[in-house]
Amino acid sequence: MPKRDYYEVLGVARNAPDDEIKKAFRKLAMKYHPDRNPGDKAAEEKFKEAKEAYEVLTDSQKKAAYDQYGHAGVDPNMRGGPGAEGFGGFAEAFGDIFGDIFGARGGGGARGGRQMYRGADLSYAMEITLEEAAAGKDAQIRIPGWNECATCHGSGARPGTSATVCATCRGQGVVQMRQGFFSVQQTCPHCHGSGKLIKEPCTACQGQGRVRHQKTLEVKVPAGIDDGMRIRSAGNGEPGTGGGPPGDLLIEIHVKKHDIFERDGDDLHCMAPVGFATAALGGEVQVPTLGGKAAIDIPEGTQTGKQFRLRGKGIKGVRSSYPGDLYCHVRVETPVKLTEHQKKLLREFDESVQQGGAKHAPGESWGEKIRSFFNG
């Protein structure tokens, strides 16, 4: 099945800015992430599709190649994998077709005539807490890797046999065809660029000369990292072919939803429950921060929605010089399960307030607004 257009996958316009692309991906990632849809293969495929589109459209070089050439411009099998630099990498996808024009001949796409391709990048989703995002952490992850086949010692041929030089390309991995003034070079269709043929493949590695295994990788998560950011681990992607370099590992960070705090850039927001009496009379209340507790002074007559700012109690982002702030939003709590005596005291208090009239209202009372509305 042909790939869908990346802009269509994320549901954004072709001129959408990076923040809009990031927001669209976040929405899809939250919906289709495998952790939220265990066992749902369709959701897993949609997540992979969205992640692939996001990685291309948020990289200026990949996006430019995609806008000009479509999926061929970012196909790892065509241009050495995502992250290949410049236009020359795309020209190398076609061997030496018009090589003198594109500058692909001798530009590193081939060595000794054989085609070299950079390995594909691998992606890994890491979930961390808000506290870990703020402070940073050292983590270990398990990723797939490759080892030389112990049976054939990397030759790809069954023990006791050996690979033979490809007669079509004479071991060069490429063949050339001339059409008039032009020389067209392409990957050998028989040996697929390896320059050799294996008549009896090794059964342990199916002729690849290497076997997959799991390896442990140390990852340093920097302090201040935010949801959706990526850590690049160079050289830990898929191995290259024809002597090409390996791809990279892209570790995408997902920050778990916190029970108390919400992050907005480097700032944090939280609710600050305040008792009815404290809101009316004023006082001091304790509020949580990522570093412990802090006290804020509640002035007399504080209303629900009042906001208090604690400078420097937010998060210091990876590119920030100073930490953000913590915003505490007051929510006045109404007491429940009152005794008869408490109810009697409240009724007496309410009668006293009513007798005082509008002077006790924090502003224009709700009743006055209603009367003004009906009286025009």
Protein backbone atom coordinates (compact mmCIF):
# COMPACT_ATOMS: atom_id res chain seq x y z
CA MET A 1 0.00 0.00 0.00
CA PRO A 2 1.48 3.40 -0.98
CA LYS A 3 2.37 5.78 1.82
CA ARG A 4 -0.02 8.60 2.61
CA ASP A 5 1.08 12.20 2.22
CA TYR A 6 2.80 13.31 5.44
CA TYR A 7 0.79 16.53 5.62
CA GLU A 8 -2.41 14.50 5.26
CA VAL A 9 -1.28 12.11 8.01
CA LEU A 10 -0.87 14.97 10.51
CA GLY A 11 -3.80 16.97 9.15
CA VAL A 12 -1.82 20.17 8.60
CA ALA A 13 -1.31 22.52 5.67
CA ARG A 14 1.92 22.42 3.66
CA ASN A 15 2.91 25.82 5.05
CA ALA A 16 2.11 24.92 8.65
CA PRO A 17 4.68 26.22 11.20
CA ASP A 18 6.65 23.84 13.42
CA ASP A 19 4.53 24.47 16.51
CA GLU A 20 1.35 23.54 14.63
CA ILE A 21 3.00 20.35 13.32
CA LYS A 22 4.16 19.50 16.83
CA LYS A 23 0.70 20.10 18.26
CA ALA A 24 -0.91 17.90 15.60
CA PHE A 25 1.56 15.08 16.28
CA ARG A 26 1.05 15.32 20.04
CA LYS A 27 -2.67 14.88 19.58
CA LEU A 28 -2.22 11.79 17.41
CA ALA A 29 0.51 10.35 19.66
CA MET A 30 -1.71 10.65 22.73
CA LYS A 31 -4.51 8.89 20.85
CA TYR A 32 -2.59 6.06 19.20
CA HIS A 33 0.42 5.46 21.48
CA PRO A 34 0.93 1.67 21.99
CA ASP A 35 0.93 2.10 25.77
CA ARG A 36 -2.63 3.43 25.54
CA ASN A 37 -3.73 0.81 23.02
CA PRO A 38 -2.11 -2.48 24.10
CA GLY A 39 -2.49 -5.17 21.45
CA ASP A 40 -4.12 -2.81 18.93
CA LYS A 41 -2.04 -3.26 15.77
CA ALA A 42 -4.06 -0.67 13.83
CA ALA A 43 -3.38 1.99 16.48
CA GLU A 44 0.31 1.02 16.55
CA GLU A 45 0.58 1.48 12.78
CA LYS A 46 -1.14 4.87 12.97
CA PHE A 47 1.31 5.92 15.70
CA LYS A 48 4.29 4.85 13.59
CA GLU A 49 2.85 6.65 10.55
CA ALA A 50 2.34 9.88 12.51
CA LYS A 51 5.82 9.66 14.07
CA GLU A 52 7.45 9.16 10.69
CA ALA A 53 5.61 12.17 9.27
CA TYR A 54 6.55 14.30 12.30
CA GLU A 55 10.26 13.40 12.08
CA VAL A 56 10.40 14.47 8.44
CA LEU A 57 8.30 17.64 8.61
CA THR A 58 10.15 19.05 11.66
CA ASP A 59 13.57 18.61 10.06
CA SER A 60 14.25 21.45 7.62
CA GLN A 61 16.48 19.40 5.29
CA LYS A 62 14.19 16.39 5.19
CA LYS A 63 11.15 18.60 4.74
CA ALA A 64 12.76 20.39 1.79
CA ALA A 65 13.62 17.05 0.17
CA TYR A 66 10.11 15.74 0.79
CA ASP A 67 8.43 18.88 -0.59
CA GLN A 68 10.52 18.60 -3.78
CA TYR A 69 10.66 14.85 -4.38
CA GLY A 70 7.93 13.33 -2.21
CA HIS A 71 8.61 10.09 -0.31
CA ALA A 72 11.56 9.26 -2.59
CA GLY A 73 13.40 12.28 -1.20
CA VAL A 74 13.41 10.84 2.35
CA ASP A 75 13.39 7.12 1.63
CA PRO A 76 16.37 5.61 3.55
CA ASN A 77 16.85 3.09 0.75
CA MET A 78 17.06 5.87 -1.81
CA ARG A 79 19.17 8.53 -0.14
CA GLY A 80 21.11 6.92 2.70
CA GLY A 81 18.35 7.29 5.30
CA PRO A 82 16.86 10.30 7.05
CA GLY A 83 19.56 12.76 7.97
CA ALA A 84 21.59 12.58 4.75
CA GLU A 85 23.03 15.97 4.04
CA GLY A 86 22.31 18.16 1.04
CA PHE A 87 21.09 17.61 -2.49
CA GLY A 88 24.02 15.39 -3.41
CA GLY A 89 22.65 12.66 -1.14
CA PHE A 90 19.46 12.57 -3.19
CA ALA A 91 21.39 12.43 -6.45
CA GLU A 92 23.29 9.42 -5.14
CA ALA A 93 20.00 7.55 -4.88
CA PHE A 94 20.15 7.07 -8.63
CA GLY A 95 23.76 5.93 -8.80
CA ASP A 96 25.63 7.87 -11.45
CA ILE A 97 22.73 8.98 -13.66
CA PHE A 98 23.92 12.31 -15.01
CA GLY A 99 26.61 12.14 -12.30
CA ASP A 100 28.66 14.96 -13.76
CA ILE A 101 25.65 17.28 -13.53
CA PHE A 102 24.66 16.39 -9.98
CA GLY A 103 28.18 15.86 -8.69
CA ALA A 104 27.30 12.41 -7.36
CA ARG A 105 30.21 10.55 -8.99
CA GLY A 106 33.05 10.15 -6.53
CA GLY A 107 31.16 12.12 -3.89
CA GLY A 108 31.15 9.38 -1.29
CA GLY A 109 28.16 7.40 -2.58
CA ALA A 110 30.42 4.63 -3.81
CA ARG A 111 33.75 3.17 -2.85
CA GLY A 112 35.60 1.04 -5.36
CA GLY A 113 32.50 1.18 -7.58
CA ARG A 114 30.14 -0.38 -5.03
CA GLN A 115 27.12 1.53 -3.79
CA MET A 116 27.18 2.57 -0.13
CA TYR A 117 24.02 3.42 1.76
CA ARG A 118 23.65 4.89 5.20
CA GLY A 119 21.66 2.73 7.59
CA ALA A 120 18.12 3.70 8.50
CA ASP A 121 17.40 5.60 11.72
CA LEU A 122 15.65 3.78 14.54
CA SER A 123 13.05 5.33 16.86
CA TYR A 124 12.48 4.64 20.53
CA ALA A 125 9.73 6.09 22.74
CA MET A 126 10.78 6.79 26.35
CA GLU A 127 8.24 7.73 29.00
CA ILE A 128 9.43 9.76 32.00
CA THR A 129 7.84 11.64 34.89
CA LEU A 130 7.64 15.42 35.18
CA GLU A 131 10.15 15.29 38.03
CA GLU A 132 12.59 13.35 35.84
CA ALA A 133 12.05 15.80 32.98
CA ALA A 134 12.88 18.71 35.30
CA ALA A 135 15.95 17.16 36.96
CA GLY A 136 17.21 14.95 34.12
CA LYS A 137 18.14 11.29 34.54
CA ASP A 138 20.49 8.54 33.42
CA ALA A 139 18.61 5.63 31.92
CA GLN A 140 19.30 2.27 30.33
CA ILE A 141 17.31 1.09 27.34
CA ARG A 142 17.31 -2.12 25.32
CA ILE A 143 17.51 -1.73 21.56
CA PRO A 144 18.07 -4.11 18.64
CA GLY A 145 21.62 -4.44 17.33
CA TRP A 146 23.67 -6.71 15.06
CA ASN A 147 26.54 -9.11 15.71
CA GLU A 148 28.72 -10.95 13.24
CA CYS A 149 27.33 -14.41 12.57
CA ALA A 150 29.34 -16.91 14.61
CA THR A 151 28.55 -19.73 12.16
CA CYS A 152 29.83 -18.16 8.92
CA HIS A 153 32.04 -15.48 10.56
CA GLY A 154 30.37 -12.74 8.55
CA SER A 155 30.77 -14.25 5.08
CA GLY A 156 27.09 -15.09 4.67
CA ALA A 157 27.99 -18.42 3.07
CA ARG A 158 27.39 -21.86 4.53
CA PRO A 159 30.49 -23.21 6.34
CA GLY A 160 32.72 -25.03 3.86
CA THR A 161 31.59 -22.81 0.98
CA SER A 162 32.40 -19.26 -0.05
CA ALA A 163 30.85 -16.41 -1.97
CA THR A 164 31.77 -15.94 -5.63
CA VAL A 165 32.44 -12.74 -7.51
CA CYS A 166 29.35 -11.54 -9.38
CA ALA A 167 29.96 -12.16 -13.08
CA THR A 168 27.54 -9.43 -14.14
CA CYS A 169 29.32 -6.51 -12.44
CA ARG A 170 32.69 -8.26 -11.87
CA GLY A 171 32.54 -7.49 -8.19
CA GLN A 172 31.90 -3.76 -8.63
CA GLY A 173 28.30 -3.82 -7.38
CA VAL A 174 27.20 -1.52 -10.21
CA VAL A 175 26.70 -1.84 -13.93
CA GLN A 176 26.93 0.89 -16.56
CA MET A 177 24.91 1.43 -19.69
CA ARG A 178 25.71 3.99 -22.36
CA GLN A 179 23.06 5.90 -24.22
CA GLY A 180 24.58 8.32 -26.68
CA PHE A 181 26.67 10.82 -24.77
CA PHE A 182 25.36 9.72 -21.36
CA SER A 183 26.68 6.99 -19.10
CA VAL A 184 24.02 5.55 -16.81
CA GLN A 185 25.20 3.67 -13.73
CA GLN A 186 22.89 1.58 -11.58
CA THR A 187 23.03 -1.05 -8.85
CA CYS A 188 23.73 -4.51 -10.18
CA PRO A 189 20.39 -6.38 -10.40
CA HIS A 190 22.01 -9.76 -9.64
CA CYS A 191 24.09 -9.10 -6.54
CA HIS A 192 22.10 -6.01 -5.41
CA GLY A 193 25.28 -3.97 -5.02
CA SER A 194 27.29 -6.41 -2.88
CA GLY A 195 29.61 -7.47 -5.72
CA LYS A 196 29.32 -11.13 -4.77
CA LEU A 197 26.90 -14.02 -5.03
CA ILE A 198 26.20 -16.56 -2.31
CA LYS A 199 25.00 -19.84 -3.81
CA GLU A 200 24.65 -21.65 -0.47
CA PRO A 201 23.60 -19.12 2.23
CA CYS A 202 24.39 -19.71 5.86
CA THR A 203 21.28 -21.11 7.56
CA ALA A 204 22.03 -19.29 10.83
CA CYS A 205 21.90 -15.79 9.32
CA GLN A 206 20.14 -16.47 5.97
CA GLY A 207 23.17 -15.18 4.09
CA GLN A 208 23.32 -11.76 5.79
CA GLY A 209 26.55 -12.44 7.65
CA ARG A 210 25.13 -10.99 10.84
CA VAL A 211 22.46 -11.82 13.40
CA ARG A 212 20.20 -9.53 15.39
CA HIS A 213 20.54 -9.26 19.15
CA GLN A 214 19.45 -6.96 21.96
CA LYS A 215 21.94 -4.51 23.42
CA THR A 216 21.81 -2.19 26.41
CA LEU A 217 22.42 1.50 25.80
CA GLU A 218 23.14 4.20 28.36
CA VAL A 219 21.06 7.33 27.73
CA LYS A 220 21.50 10.69 29.46
CA VAL A 221 18.22 12.60 29.57
CA PRO A 222 19.07 16.32 29.97
CA ALA A 223 17.41 18.39 32.67
CA GLY A 224 14.52 20.52 31.40
CA ILE A 225 13.58 18.30 28.45
CA ASP A 226 9.97 18.65 27.33
CA ASP A 227 7.37 16.30 25.93
CA GLY A 228 7.94 15.52 22.24
CA MET A 229 11.65 16.40 22.24
CA ARG A 230 14.13 13.89 20.83
CA ILE A 231 17.58 12.71 21.86
CA ARG A 232 19.84 11.59 19.02
CA SER A 233 22.23 8.72 19.71
CA ALA A 234 24.64 8.70 16.77
CA GLY A 235 25.52 5.39 15.16
CA ASN A 236 23.02 3.26 17.06
CA GLY A 237 20.57 2.83 14.20
CA GLU A 238 20.48 0.17 11.50
CA PRO A 239 23.89 -0.72 10.00
CA GLY A 240 24.72 0.65 6.55
CA THR A 241 25.11 -1.46 3.46
CA GLY A 242 28.08 -1.68 1.13
CA GLY A 243 30.32 -0.21 3.82
CA GLY A 244 28.02 2.74 4.47
CA PRO A 245 27.75 4.31 7.96
CA PRO A 246 25.06 3.22 10.44
CA GLY A 247 21.97 5.29 11.07
CA ASP A 248 21.13 6.98 14.36
CA LEU A 249 18.78 6.16 17.21
CA LEU A 250 16.14 8.84 17.86
CA ILE A 251 14.77 8.68 21.40
CA GLU A 252 11.47 10.53 21.65
CA ILE A 253 10.46 11.74 25.09
CA HIS A 254 6.92 11.39 26.42
CA VAL A 255 6.23 13.04 29.80
CA LYS A 256 3.54 11.38 31.91
CA LYS A 257 0.57 13.45 33.04
CA HIS A 258 1.19 14.76 36.55
CA ASP A 259 -1.38 14.57 39.35
CA ILE A 260 -0.74 18.15 40.51
CA PHE A 261 1.20 20.18 37.97
CA GLU A 262 0.63 21.14 34.36
CA ARG A 263 3.60 22.33 32.33
CA ASP A 264 3.47 25.26 29.92
CA GLY A 265 6.92 25.77 28.46
CA ASP A 266 9.17 26.45 31.46
CA ASP A 267 6.23 27.47 33.70
CA LEU A 268 4.17 25.23 35.95
CA HIS A 269 0.53 25.61 36.99
CA CYS A 270 -1.31 24.05 39.93
CA MET A 271 -4.51 24.45 41.93
CA ALA A 272 -4.28 25.90 45.45
CA PRO A 273 -7.27 24.82 47.60
CA VAL A 274 -8.09 27.44 50.24
CA GLY A 275 -10.59 27.04 53.08
CA PHE A 276 -13.66 29.26 53.24
CA ALA A 277 -12.56 31.01 56.42
CA THR A 278 -8.99 31.59 55.22
CA ALA A 279 -10.26 33.06 51.94
CA ALA A 280 -12.53 35.44 53.84
CA LEU A 281 -10.16 36.40 56.68
CA GLY A 282 -6.78 35.94 54.99
CA GLY A 283 -3.89 33.80 56.14
CA GLU A 284 -1.01 31.64 54.99
CA VAL A 285 -1.35 28.40 53.01
CA GLN A 286 1.18 25.80 51.95
CA VAL A 287 1.45 24.95 48.24
CA PRO A 288 3.48 22.20 46.54
CA THR A 289 6.49 22.80 44.28
CA LEU A 290 8.77 20.34 42.49
CA GLY A 291 11.37 21.08 45.17
CA GLY A 292 9.11 20.73 48.21
CA LYS A 293 6.65 23.14 49.86
CA ALA A 294 6.27 26.89 49.68
CA ALA A 295 4.03 29.36 51.55
CA ILE A 296 1.84 32.04 50.02
CA ASP A 297 -0.01 34.82 51.85
CA ILE A 298 -3.72 34.87 51.13
CA PRO A 299 -5.14 38.38 51.47
CA GLU A 300 -8.52 38.99 53.09
CA GLY A 301 -11.44 38.45 50.72
CA THR A 302 -9.61 36.24 48.20
CA GLN A 303 -11.89 34.76 45.53
CA THR A 304 -11.74 31.54 43.49
CA GLY A 305 -9.56 32.04 40.41
CA LYS A 306 -7.10 34.40 42.07
CA GLN A 307 -3.61 33.64 40.76
CA PHE A 308 -0.35 33.77 42.72
CA ARG A 309 3.05 33.69 41.03
CA LEU A 310 6.10 32.08 42.62
CA ARG A 311 9.15 33.20 40.66
CA GLY A 312 11.78 30.61 39.78
CA LYS A 313 9.69 27.66 40.97
CA GLY A 314 9.04 26.32 37.48
CA ILE A 315 11.41 24.33 35.25
CA LYS A 316 14.69 25.41 33.67
CA GLY A 317 14.37 24.30 30.06
CA VAL A 318 17.22 22.73 28.11
CA ARG A 319 17.74 26.00 26.19
CA SER A 320 16.83 28.40 29.01
CA SER A 321 19.12 30.50 31.17
CA TYR A 322 16.66 30.81 34.06
CA PRO A 323 13.88 28.60 35.43
CA GLY A 324 10.25 29.46 34.77
CA ASP A 325 7.63 30.33 37.40
CA LEU A 326 4.94 28.46 39.31
CA TYR A 327 1.39 29.81 39.05
CA CYS A 328 -0.97 28.80 41.86
CA HIS A 329 -4.67 29.19 41.06
CA VAL A 330 -6.88 29.60 44.14
CA ARG A 331 -9.95 27.42 44.54
CA VAL A 332 -12.08 28.25 47.56
CA GLU A 333 -13.38 25.03 49.12
CA THR A 334 -16.90 24.89 50.51
CA PRO A 335 -17.10 22.85 53.75
CA VAL A 336 -19.22 19.68 53.70
CA LYS A 337 -20.88 17.38 56.28
CA LEU A 338 -21.61 20.22 58.70
CA THR A 339 -23.07 19.61 62.15
CA GLU A 340 -26.34 21.24 63.17
CA HIS A 341 -24.45 23.70 65.33
CA GLN A 342 -22.18 24.65 62.41
CA LYS A 343 -25.19 25.07 60.14
CA LYS A 344 -26.84 27.34 62.72
CA LEU A 345 -23.72 29.49 62.93
CA LEU A 346 -23.55 29.76 59.12
CA ARG A 347 -27.20 30.82 58.88
CA GLU A 348 -26.60 33.50 61.49
CA PHE A 349 -23.50 34.60 59.60
CA ASP A 350 -25.42 34.68 56.30
CA GLU A 351 -28.19 36.81 57.86
CA SER A 352 -25.55 39.21 59.18
CA VAL A 353 -23.98 39.49 55.72
CA GLN A 354 -27.35 40.07 54.08
CA GLN A 355 -28.10 42.88 56.51
CA GLY A 356 -24.81 44.50 55.61
CA GLY A 357 -25.93 44.74 51.98
CA ALA A 358 -23.64 45.32 49.02
CA LYS A 359 -20.67 46.41 51.12
CA HIS A 360 -19.78 42.75 51.73
CA ALA A 361 -19.83 41.84 48.02
CA PRO A 362 -16.41 41.53 46.31
CA GLY A 363 -17.83 43.48 43.36
CA GLU A 364 -21.20 43.78 41.73
CA SER A 365 -23.15 40.88 43.24
CA TRP A 366 -24.70 38.14 41.14
CA GLY A 367 -28.17 39.22 42.27
CA GLU A 368 -27.54 42.80 41.13
CA LYS A 369 -26.37 41.56 37.74
CA ILE A 370 -29.54 39.50 37.34
CA ARG A 371 -31.76 42.44 38.28
CA SER A 372 -29.88 44.72 35.90
CA PHE A 373 -30.31 42.17 33.10
CA PHE A 374 -34.10 41.89 33.50
CA ASN A 375 -34.65 45.59 34.12
CA GLY A 376 -32.71 46.52 30.99
